[in-house]
Amino acid sequence: MIPADPQEREALAGEYVLGTLDARLAAEVAAALPSNLALREMVAAWEARLAPLIDLALPEAPPPDLWRKIEAALPGAAPEAEPAPRPGLGSRWARLWQGWAIGASAVAAGLAGFLLLQPPPEPRLMTVLLTSRDQPAWVVEAQRGGALRLAALNPQPVDADRVLQSWALPQGATAPTSLGLIPPRGR
């Protein structure tokens, strides 16, 4: 049924020109066009408005087997038999690529399993010791068994008759505590 409201009729005419109506409604609009002057004018206005867009679309030829596919999709059409693949170069390449893809997937899964099953690394406890002028001087790393590893960040020459010693002032303490002597090479 063609709407009496001008806005609804305008929308219907636009959809008719665009071709977005279902088949039943499109047939109803086409049947009403000869006798409905207002609808005919609206359809003509929409066609004039959208006509410049036709120039923007390049003509496109349908695929050669389109009619065969349409006929096969119609009810009552006999189902089409798929052509059997021909043995030869194409199937050999397909098997080669399938084998390669399966092998690559297996390698990737093995690598992922290897990475996921490794134990997590132990946490490293490290600190940087500063000089009295707040300059980095040493990196200290706690190792297994309570041993400390020292590395000098800014090695300073030490007289032969002297040794370096590391001291710490624990929180709340009133006197520093010796952490130990530092070997001459700083390690």
C-alpha atoms as a PDB file:
ATOM      1  CA  MET A   1       0.000   0.000   0.000  1.00  0.00           C
ATOM      2  CA  ILE A   2       1.326   3.427  -0.989  1.00  0.00           C
ATOM      3  CA  PRO A   3       1.456   5.718   2.085  1.00  0.00           C
ATOM      4  CA  ALA A   4      -0.597   8.906   2.143  1.00  0.00           C
ATOM      5  CA  ASP A   5       1.975  10.772   4.261  1.00  0.00           C
ATOM      6  CA  PRO A   6       4.275  12.778   1.915  1.00  0.00           C
ATOM      7  CA  GLN A   7       7.436  12.020   3.948  1.00  0.00           C
ATOM      8  CA  GLU A   8       6.764   8.287   3.981  1.00  0.00           C
ATOM      9  CA  ARG A   9       5.921   8.376   0.245  1.00  0.00           C
ATOM     10  CA  GLU A  10       9.210  10.272  -0.393  1.00  0.00           C
ATOM     11  CA  ALA A  11      11.183   7.621   1.504  1.00  0.00           C
ATOM     12  CA  LEU A  12       9.378   4.847  -0.396  1.00  0.00           C
ATOM     13  CA  ALA A  13      10.200   6.503  -3.744  1.00  0.00           C
ATOM     14  CA  GLY A  14      13.862   6.822  -2.767  1.00  0.00           C
ATOM     15  CA  GLU A  15      14.068   3.187  -1.734  1.00  0.00           C
ATOM     16  CA  TYR A  16      12.333   2.169  -4.958  1.00  0.00           C
ATOM     17  CA  VAL A  17      14.892   4.054  -7.066  1.00  0.00           C
ATOM     18  CA  LEU A  18      17.790   2.650  -5.033  1.00  0.00           C
ATOM     19  CA  GLY A  19      16.373  -0.861  -5.423  1.00  0.00           C
ATOM     20  CA  THR A  20      16.303  -1.653  -1.715  1.00  0.00           C
ATOM     21  CA  LEU A  21      12.619  -2.632  -1.503  1.00  0.00           C
ATOM     22  CA  ASP A  22      11.615  -6.273  -1.320  1.00  0.00           C
ATOM     23  CA  ALA A  23      10.095  -7.754  -4.479  1.00  0.00           C
ATOM     24  CA  ARG A  24       6.456  -7.528  -3.310  1.00  0.00           C
ATOM     25  CA  LEU A  25       6.679  -3.851  -2.312  1.00  0.00           C
ATOM     26  CA  ALA A  26       8.664  -2.936  -5.444  1.00  0.00           C
ATOM     27  CA  ALA A  27       5.969  -4.549  -7.614  1.00  0.00           C
ATOM     28  CA  GLU A  28       3.297  -2.614  -5.718  1.00  0.00           C
ATOM     29  CA  VAL A  29       5.128   0.713  -6.325  1.00  0.00           C
ATOM     30  CA  ALA A  30       5.615  -0.135 -10.019  1.00  0.00           C
ATOM     31  CA  ALA A  31       1.898  -0.905 -10.355  1.00  0.00           C
ATOM     32  CA  ALA A  32       0.952   2.387  -8.639  1.00  0.00           C
ATOM     33  CA  LEU A  33       3.243   4.628 -10.737  1.00  0.00           C
ATOM     34  CA  PRO A  34       0.931   5.066 -13.792  1.00  0.00           C
ATOM     35  CA  SER A  35      -2.023   6.189 -11.660  1.00  0.00           C
ATOM     36  CA  ASN A  36      -0.269   8.112  -8.854  1.00  0.00           C
ATOM     37  CA  LEU A  37       1.130  11.436 -10.129  1.00  0.00           C
ATOM     38  CA  ALA A  38       2.706  12.478  -6.797  1.00  0.00           C
ATOM     39  CA  LEU A  39       4.562   9.157  -6.501  1.00  0.00           C
ATOM     40  CA  ARG A  40       5.646   9.331 -10.149  1.00  0.00           C
ATOM     41  CA  GLU A  41       7.079  12.857  -9.593  1.00  0.00           C
ATOM     42  CA  MET A  42       8.935  11.736  -6.468  1.00  0.00           C
ATOM     43  CA  VAL A  43      10.456   8.735  -8.291  1.00  0.00           C
ATOM     44  CA  ALA A  44      11.510  11.034 -11.162  1.00  0.00           C
ATOM     45  CA  ALA A  45      13.090  13.480  -8.671  1.00  0.00           C
ATOM     46  CA  TRP A  46      15.017  10.667  -7.004  1.00  0.00           C
ATOM     47  CA  GLU A  47      16.194   9.345 -10.381  1.00  0.00           C
ATOM     48  CA  ALA A  48      17.400  12.837 -11.351  1.00  0.00           C
ATOM     49  CA  ARG A  49      19.115  13.258  -7.964  1.00  0.00           C
ATOM     50  CA  LEU A  50      20.939   9.919  -8.179  1.00  0.00           C
ATOM     51  CA  ALA A  51      21.687   9.954 -11.926  1.00  0.00           C
ATOM     52  CA  PRO A  52      25.131  11.641 -11.547  1.00  0.00           C
ATOM     53  CA  LEU A  53      26.263   8.674  -9.481  1.00  0.00           C
ATOM     54  CA  ILE A  54      25.874   6.425 -12.521  1.00  0.00           C
ATOM     55  CA  ASP A  55      28.794   8.199 -14.185  1.00  0.00           C
ATOM     56  CA  LEU A  56      31.028   7.331 -11.217  1.00  0.00           C
ATOM     57  CA  ALA A  57      30.420   3.590 -11.521  1.00  0.00           C
ATOM     58  CA  LEU A  58      32.509   1.818 -14.106  1.00  0.00           C
ATOM     59  CA  PRO A  59      30.716  -0.886 -16.073  1.00  0.00           C
ATOM     60  CA  GLU A  60      31.536  -4.330 -14.751  1.00  0.00           C
ATOM     61  CA  ALA A  61      30.978  -7.522 -16.720  1.00  0.00           C
ATOM     62  CA  PRO A  62      29.449 -10.362 -14.694  1.00  0.00           C
ATOM     63  CA  PRO A  63      31.498 -13.528 -14.274  1.00  0.00           C
ATOM     64  CA  PRO A  64      31.018 -15.946 -17.189  1.00  0.00           C
ATOM     65  CA  ASP A  65      29.525 -18.715 -15.030  1.00  0.00           C
ATOM     66  CA  LEU A  66      27.013 -16.452 -13.222  1.00  0.00           C
ATOM     67  CA  TRP A  67      23.930 -17.727 -15.086  1.00  0.00           C
ATOM     68  CA  ARG A  68      24.941 -21.337 -14.447  1.00  0.00           C
ATOM     69  CA  LYS A  69      25.248 -20.564 -10.701  1.00  0.00           C
ATOM     70  CA  ILE A  70      21.882 -18.764 -10.648  1.00  0.00           C
ATOM     71  CA  GLU A  71      20.156 -21.655 -12.404  1.00  0.00           C
ATOM     72  CA  ALA A  72      21.760 -24.139 -10.007  1.00  0.00           C
ATOM     73  CA  ALA A  73      20.493 -22.105  -7.025  1.00  0.00           C
ATOM     74  CA  LEU A  74      16.865 -22.116  -8.236  1.00  0.00           C
ATOM     75  CA  PRO A  75      14.488 -24.566  -6.561  1.00  0.00           C
ATOM     76  CA  GLY A  76      14.152 -27.830  -8.450  1.00  0.00           C
ATOM     77  CA  ALA A  77      17.512 -27.507 -10.197  1.00  0.00           C
ATOM     78  CA  ALA A  78      19.631 -30.626 -10.273  1.00  0.00           C
ATOM     79  CA  PRO A  79      22.684 -30.350  -8.032  1.00  0.00           C
ATOM     80  CA  GLU A  80      25.861 -29.807  -9.955  1.00  0.00           C
ATOM     81  CA  ALA A  81      28.634 -32.324  -9.604  1.00  0.00           C
ATOM     82  CA  GLU A  82      31.953 -30.828  -8.594  1.00  0.00           C
ATOM     83  CA  PRO A  83      34.691 -31.583 -11.084  1.00  0.00           C
ATOM     84  CA  ALA A  84      37.063 -34.211  -9.707  1.00  0.00           C
ATOM     85  CA  PRO A  85      40.555 -32.889  -9.000  1.00  0.00           C
ATOM     86  CA  ARG A  86      43.034 -33.985 -11.590  1.00  0.00           C
ATOM     87  CA  PRO A  87      46.073 -35.779 -10.303  1.00  0.00           C
ATOM     88  CA  GLY A  88      49.232 -34.072 -11.322  1.00  0.00           C
ATOM     89  CA  LEU A  89      51.350 -31.073 -10.520  1.00  0.00           C
ATOM     90  CA  GLY A  90      48.648 -29.131  -8.648  1.00  0.00           C
ATOM     91  CA  SER A  91      47.827 -31.889  -6.179  1.00  0.00           C
ATOM     92  CA  ARG A  92      51.522 -32.636  -5.663  1.00  0.00           C
ATOM     93  CA  TRP A  93      52.182 -28.997  -4.746  1.00  0.00           C
ATOM     94  CA  ALA A  94      49.157 -28.977  -2.474  1.00  0.00           C
ATOM     95  CA  ARG A  95      50.443 -32.053  -0.612  1.00  0.00           C
ATOM     96  CA  LEU A  96      53.903 -30.471  -0.367  1.00  0.00           C
ATOM     97  CA  TRP A  97      52.499 -27.258   1.119  1.00  0.00           C
ATOM     98  CA  GLN A  98      50.224 -29.177   3.488  1.00  0.00           C
ATOM     99  CA  GLY A  99      53.182 -31.227   4.706  1.00  0.00           C
ATOM    100  CA  TRP A 100      55.286 -28.115   5.125  1.00  0.00           C
ATOM    101  CA  ALA A 101      52.499 -26.370   7.060  1.00  0.00           C
ATOM    102  CA  ILE A 102      52.020 -29.366   9.368  1.00  0.00           C
ATOM    103  CA  GLY A 103      55.771 -29.608   9.977  1.00  0.00           C
ATOM    104  CA  ALA A 104      56.094 -25.882  10.695  1.00  0.00           C
ATOM    105  CA  SER A 105      53.137 -26.065  13.095  1.00  0.00           C
ATOM    106  CA  ALA A 106      54.738 -28.988  14.927  1.00  0.00           C
ATOM    107  CA  VAL A 107      58.041 -27.111  15.262  1.00  0.00           C
ATOM    108  CA  ALA A 108      56.222 -23.999  16.543  1.00  0.00           C
ATOM    109  CA  ALA A 109      54.255 -26.076  19.070  1.00  0.00           C
ATOM    110  CA  GLY A 110      57.458 -27.772  20.263  1.00  0.00           C
ATOM    111  CA  LEU A 111      59.222 -24.444  20.677  1.00  0.00           C
ATOM    112  CA  ALA A 112      56.252 -22.982  22.551  1.00  0.00           C
ATOM    113  CA  GLY A 113      56.184 -26.022  24.854  1.00  0.00           C
ATOM    114  CA  PHE A 114      59.922 -25.738  25.478  1.00  0.00           C
ATOM    115  CA  LEU A 115      59.620 -22.059  26.382  1.00  0.00           C
ATOM    116  CA  LEU A 116      56.558 -22.536  28.580  1.00  0.00           C
ATOM    117  CA  LEU A 117      57.944 -25.515  30.498  1.00  0.00           C
ATOM    118  CA  GLN A 118      61.248 -23.890  31.487  1.00  0.00           C
ATOM    119  CA  PRO A 119      61.402 -22.926  35.151  1.00  0.00           C
ATOM    120  CA  PRO A 120      61.239 -19.205  35.751  1.00  0.00           C
ATOM    121  CA  PRO A 121      64.580 -17.549  36.405  1.00  0.00           C
ATOM    122  CA  GLU A 122      65.445 -16.853  40.007  1.00  0.00           C
ATOM    123  CA  PRO A 123      64.947 -13.258  41.063  1.00  0.00           C
ATOM    124  CA  ARG A 124      68.132 -11.228  41.084  1.00  0.00           C
ATOM    125  CA  LEU A 125      68.791  -9.048  44.089  1.00  0.00           C
ATOM    126  CA  MET A 126      70.905  -6.080  43.106  1.00  0.00           C
ATOM    127  CA  THR A 127      71.644  -2.612  44.393  1.00  0.00           C
ATOM    128  CA  VAL A 128      73.845   0.327  43.473  1.00  0.00           C
ATOM    129  CA  LEU A 129      76.093   1.774  46.175  1.00  0.00           C
ATOM    130  CA  LEU A 130      76.652   5.514  46.043  1.00  0.00           C
ATOM    131  CA  THR A 131      79.628   7.637  47.023  1.00  0.00           C
ATOM    132  CA  SER A 132      79.365  10.396  49.614  1.00  0.00           C
ATOM    133  CA  ARG A 133      78.531  12.711  46.698  1.00  0.00           C
ATOM    134  CA  ASP A 134      75.611  10.503  45.556  1.00  0.00           C
ATOM    135  CA  GLN A 135      77.486   9.210  42.510  1.00  0.00           C
ATOM    136  CA  PRO A 136      77.117   5.520  41.543  1.00  0.00           C
ATOM    137  CA  ALA A 137      80.226   3.642  42.629  1.00  0.00           C
ATOM    138  CA  TRP A 138      79.451  -0.094  42.918  1.00  0.00           C
ATOM    139  CA  VAL A 139      76.902  -2.646  41.789  1.00  0.00           C
ATOM    140  CA  VAL A 140      76.305  -5.349  44.377  1.00  0.00           C
ATOM    141  CA  GLU A 141      74.514  -8.569  43.485  1.00  0.00           C
ATOM    142  CA  ALA A 142      73.464 -11.183  46.026  1.00  0.00           C
ATOM    143  CA  GLN A 143      74.172 -14.670  44.751  1.00  0.00           C
ATOM    144  CA  ARG A 144      73.140 -18.127  45.907  1.00  0.00           C
ATOM    145  CA  GLY A 145      74.525 -19.159  49.250  1.00  0.00           C
ATOM    146  CA  GLY A 146      74.769 -15.588  50.548  1.00  0.00           C
ATOM    147  CA  ALA A 147      77.831 -14.574  48.497  1.00  0.00           C
ATOM    148  CA  LEU A 148      78.023 -11.041  47.136  1.00  0.00           C
ATOM    149  CA  ARG A 149      79.401 -10.057  43.780  1.00  0.00           C
ATOM    150  CA  LEU A 150      80.774  -6.526  43.405  1.00  0.00           C
ATOM    151  CA  ALA A 151      81.472  -4.595  40.258  1.00  0.00           C
ATOM    152  CA  ALA A 152      83.029  -1.122  40.263  1.00  0.00           C
ATOM    153  CA  LEU A 153      81.114   1.398  38.167  1.00  0.00           C
ATOM    154  CA  ASN A 154      83.736   4.115  38.496  1.00  0.00           C
ATOM    155  CA  PRO A 155      87.001   2.436  39.583  1.00  0.00           C
ATOM    156  CA  GLN A 156      89.362   4.703  41.517  1.00  0.00           C
ATOM    157  CA  PRO A 157      93.054   3.931  42.033  1.00  0.00           C
ATOM    158  CA  VAL A 158      93.856   2.714  45.542  1.00  0.00           C
ATOM    159  CA  ASP A 159      97.261   3.043  47.169  1.00  0.00           C
ATOM    160  CA  ALA A 160      99.129  -0.268  47.560  1.00  0.00           C
ATOM    161  CA  ASP A 161      99.149  -0.033  51.353  1.00  0.00           C
ATOM    162  CA  ARG A 162      95.360   0.486  51.579  1.00  0.00           C
ATOM    163  CA  VAL A 163      92.194  -1.598  50.924  1.00  0.00           C
ATOM    164  CA  LEU A 164      88.597  -0.657  50.272  1.00  0.00           C
ATOM    165  CA  GLN A 165      85.937  -1.615  52.766  1.00  0.00           C
ATOM    166  CA  SER A 166      82.146  -1.472  52.343  1.00  0.00           C
ATOM    167  CA  TRP A 167      80.079  -0.100  55.217  1.00  0.00           C
ATOM    168  CA  ALA A 168      76.342   0.189  55.744  1.00  0.00           C
ATOM    169  CA  LEU A 169      74.208   2.126  58.152  1.00  0.00           C
ATOM    170  CA  PRO A 170      71.135  -0.005  58.857  1.00  0.00           C
ATOM    171  CA  GLN A 171      67.897   1.795  59.469  1.00  0.00           C
ATOM    172  CA  GLY A 172      67.592   2.858  63.094  1.00  0.00           C
ATOM    173  CA  ALA A 173      71.273   2.098  63.852  1.00  0.00           C
ATOM    174  CA  THR A 174      73.542   4.724  65.371  1.00  0.00           C
ATOM    175  CA  ALA A 175      76.832   3.270  64.083  1.00  0.00           C
ATOM    176  CA  PRO A 176      77.813   1.856  60.674  1.00  0.00           C
ATOM    177  CA  THR A 177      78.378  -1.875  60.196  1.00  0.00           C
ATOM    178  CA  SER A 178      81.210  -3.295  58.056  1.00  0.00           C
ATOM    179  CA  LEU A 179      80.049  -5.387  55.118  1.00  0.00           C
ATOM    180  CA  GLY A 180      83.571  -6.578  54.358  1.00  0.00           C
ATOM    181  CA  LEU A 181      86.762  -5.765  52.490  1.00  0.00           C
ATOM    182  CA  ILE A 182      86.705  -5.226  48.751  1.00  0.00           C
ATOM    183  CA  PRO A 183      89.436  -7.045  46.807  1.00  0.00           C
ATOM    184  CA  PRO A 184      92.004  -4.821  45.084  1.00  0.00           C
ATOM    185  CA  ARG A 185      90.574  -5.477  41.616  1.00  0.00           C
ATOM    186  CA  GLY A 186      87.063  -4.580  42.791  1.00  0.00           C
ATOM    187  CA  ARG A 187      85.563  -8.006  42.187  1.00  0.00           C
END
